[in-house]
Amino acid sequence: MDQALAVIDQELTHRPMAVGLVAERLAVVMLVHALRLHLATAPHHSPGRHAGLADPLTAAALTALHREPARPWTVAELARAVGYGPESALSFTSKRVMGIAPGDHRRRARETEDEH
């Protein structure tokens, strides 16, 4: 992981062509290494391993990932796997979970900025 972090740092510092693509891929590699390390050292029946399965949305995304592990998943695809659709669904979910729609949040933030 130290090597991946060093290369990501070098990419972001020197900003060569395609820096975003390379840094993103390296971050994925680092994530895989972190997961490998965790799974290698964690007890087989630790609550954390199964905690994601307790949440229906997380469980749906994890199930999709396990069904097709070679697929280059995106966050948008996983969101569609668990039932999130277009922006209106995001707005509805945000309002339900956070108590405020994204548009209202942006509007309040602008008003706060204008006051200062």
Protein backbone atom coordinates (compact mmCIF):
# COMPACT_ATOMS: atom_id res chain seq x y z
CA MET A 1 0.00 0.00 0.00
CA ASP A 2 2.90 2.33 0.70
CA GLN A 3 4.08 1.88 -2.88
CA ALA A 4 0.64 2.64 -4.30
CA LEU A 5 0.37 5.77 -2.13
CA ALA A 6 3.82 6.91 -3.24
CA VAL A 7 2.96 6.50 -6.91
CA ILE A 8 -0.38 8.27 -6.48
CA ASP A 9 1.43 11.12 -4.71
CA GLN A 10 3.98 11.31 -7.52
CA GLU A 11 1.22 11.37 -10.16
CA LEU A 12 -0.71 14.12 -8.38
CA THR A 13 2.43 16.15 -7.70
CA HIS A 14 3.89 16.06 -11.22
CA ARG A 15 0.51 15.92 -13.04
CA PRO A 16 1.61 14.03 -16.19
CA MET A 17 -0.83 13.34 -19.00
CA ALA A 18 -3.79 11.15 -17.92
CA VAL A 19 -3.03 11.78 -14.23
CA GLY A 20 -6.68 11.37 -13.24
CA LEU A 21 -7.02 8.01 -14.93
CA VAL A 22 -3.78 6.68 -13.48
CA ALA A 23 -4.47 7.98 -9.97
CA GLU A 24 -7.98 6.50 -10.05
CA ARG A 25 -6.71 3.08 -11.11
CA LEU A 26 -3.98 3.16 -8.48
CA ALA A 27 -6.57 4.03 -5.84
CA VAL A 28 -8.55 0.96 -6.87
CA VAL A 29 -5.40 -1.18 -6.57
CA MET A 30 -4.78 0.29 -3.12
CA LEU A 31 -8.37 -0.51 -2.11
CA VAL A 32 -7.97 -4.11 -3.25
CA HIS A 33 -4.76 -4.44 -1.25
CA ALA A 34 -6.44 -2.96 1.83
CA LEU A 35 -9.34 -5.40 1.49
CA ARG A 36 -6.94 -8.32 1.03
CA LEU A 37 -5.04 -7.30 4.15
CA HIS A 38 -8.23 -6.92 6.14
CA LEU A 39 -9.67 -10.24 5.02
CA ALA A 40 -6.38 -12.03 5.66
CA THR A 41 -6.17 -10.75 9.24
CA ALA A 42 -9.85 -10.55 10.23
CA PRO A 43 -11.60 -13.48 11.88
CA HIS A 44 -13.82 -15.35 9.45
CA HIS A 45 -16.98 -14.56 11.37
CA SER A 46 -16.39 -10.97 12.37
CA PRO A 47 -19.57 -8.85 12.50
CA GLY A 48 -18.05 -6.30 10.12
CA ARG A 49 -17.88 -8.80 7.28
CA HIS A 50 -21.61 -9.34 7.44
CA ALA A 51 -22.70 -5.86 8.45
CA GLY A 52 -23.13 -4.81 4.83
CA LEU A 53 -25.54 -7.66 4.27
CA ALA A 54 -27.80 -6.36 7.05
CA ASP A 55 -28.59 -3.23 5.01
CA PRO A 56 -30.84 -4.07 2.02
CA LEU A 57 -29.27 -1.48 -0.31
CA THR A 58 -25.71 -2.42 0.54
CA ALA A 59 -26.58 -6.11 0.30
CA ALA A 60 -27.99 -5.61 -3.20
CA ALA A 61 -24.83 -3.84 -4.36
CA LEU A 62 -22.57 -6.47 -2.76
CA THR A 63 -24.59 -9.25 -4.35
CA ALA A 64 -24.22 -7.63 -7.78
CA LEU A 65 -20.46 -7.25 -7.25
CA HIS A 66 -20.10 -10.90 -6.25
CA ARG A 67 -22.19 -12.15 -9.18
CA GLU A 68 -19.96 -10.38 -11.71
CA PRO A 69 -16.60 -9.65 -10.06
CA ALA A 70 -14.80 -9.12 -13.38
CA ARG A 71 -17.25 -6.45 -14.54
CA PRO A 72 -15.84 -2.90 -14.40
CA TRP A 73 -18.55 -1.59 -12.07
CA THR A 74 -19.26 2.11 -11.70
CA VAL A 75 -21.03 3.82 -8.84
CA ALA A 76 -23.87 4.76 -11.20
CA GLU A 77 -24.36 1.12 -12.21
CA LEU A 78 -24.40 -0.05 -8.62
CA ALA A 79 -26.87 2.69 -7.76
CA ARG A 80 -29.19 1.40 -10.53
CA ALA A 81 -28.55 -2.22 -9.04
CA VAL A 82 -30.05 -1.07 -5.71
CA GLY A 83 -32.92 0.93 -7.18
CA TYR A 84 -31.62 4.48 -7.45
CA GLY A 85 -32.60 6.01 -10.73
CA PRO A 86 -32.41 9.46 -12.20
CA GLU A 87 -31.82 12.69 -10.32
CA SER A 88 -35.41 12.76 -9.07
CA ALA A 89 -34.75 9.55 -7.15
CA LEU A 90 -31.61 11.09 -5.66
CA SER A 91 -33.62 14.14 -4.65
CA PHE A 92 -36.31 11.98 -3.07
CA THR A 93 -33.77 9.88 -1.19
CA SER A 94 -31.83 12.93 -0.04
CA LYS A 95 -35.00 14.51 1.28
CA ARG A 96 -36.01 11.29 3.05
CA VAL A 97 -32.60 10.63 4.59
CA MET A 98 -31.23 14.15 5.15
CA GLY A 99 -34.50 16.04 5.46
CA ILE A 100 -33.65 18.37 2.58
CA ALA A 101 -33.55 18.07 -1.21
CA PRO A 102 -30.21 18.80 -2.93
CA GLY A 103 -31.61 21.90 -4.66
CA ASP A 104 -32.83 23.34 -1.37
CA HIS A 105 -29.44 22.63 0.20
CA ARG A 106 -27.64 24.47 -2.63
CA ARG A 107 -30.03 27.39 -2.33
CA ARG A 108 -29.48 27.68 1.42
CA ALA A 109 -25.70 27.47 0.95
CA ARG A 110 -25.81 30.33 -1.58
CA GLU A 111 -27.94 32.43 0.76
CA THR A 112 -25.48 31.81 3.60
CA GLU A 113 -22.56 32.80 1.36
CA ASP A 114 -24.36 35.99 0.29
CA GLU A 115 -24.89 36.95 3.95
CA HIS A 116 -21.15 36.79 4.62
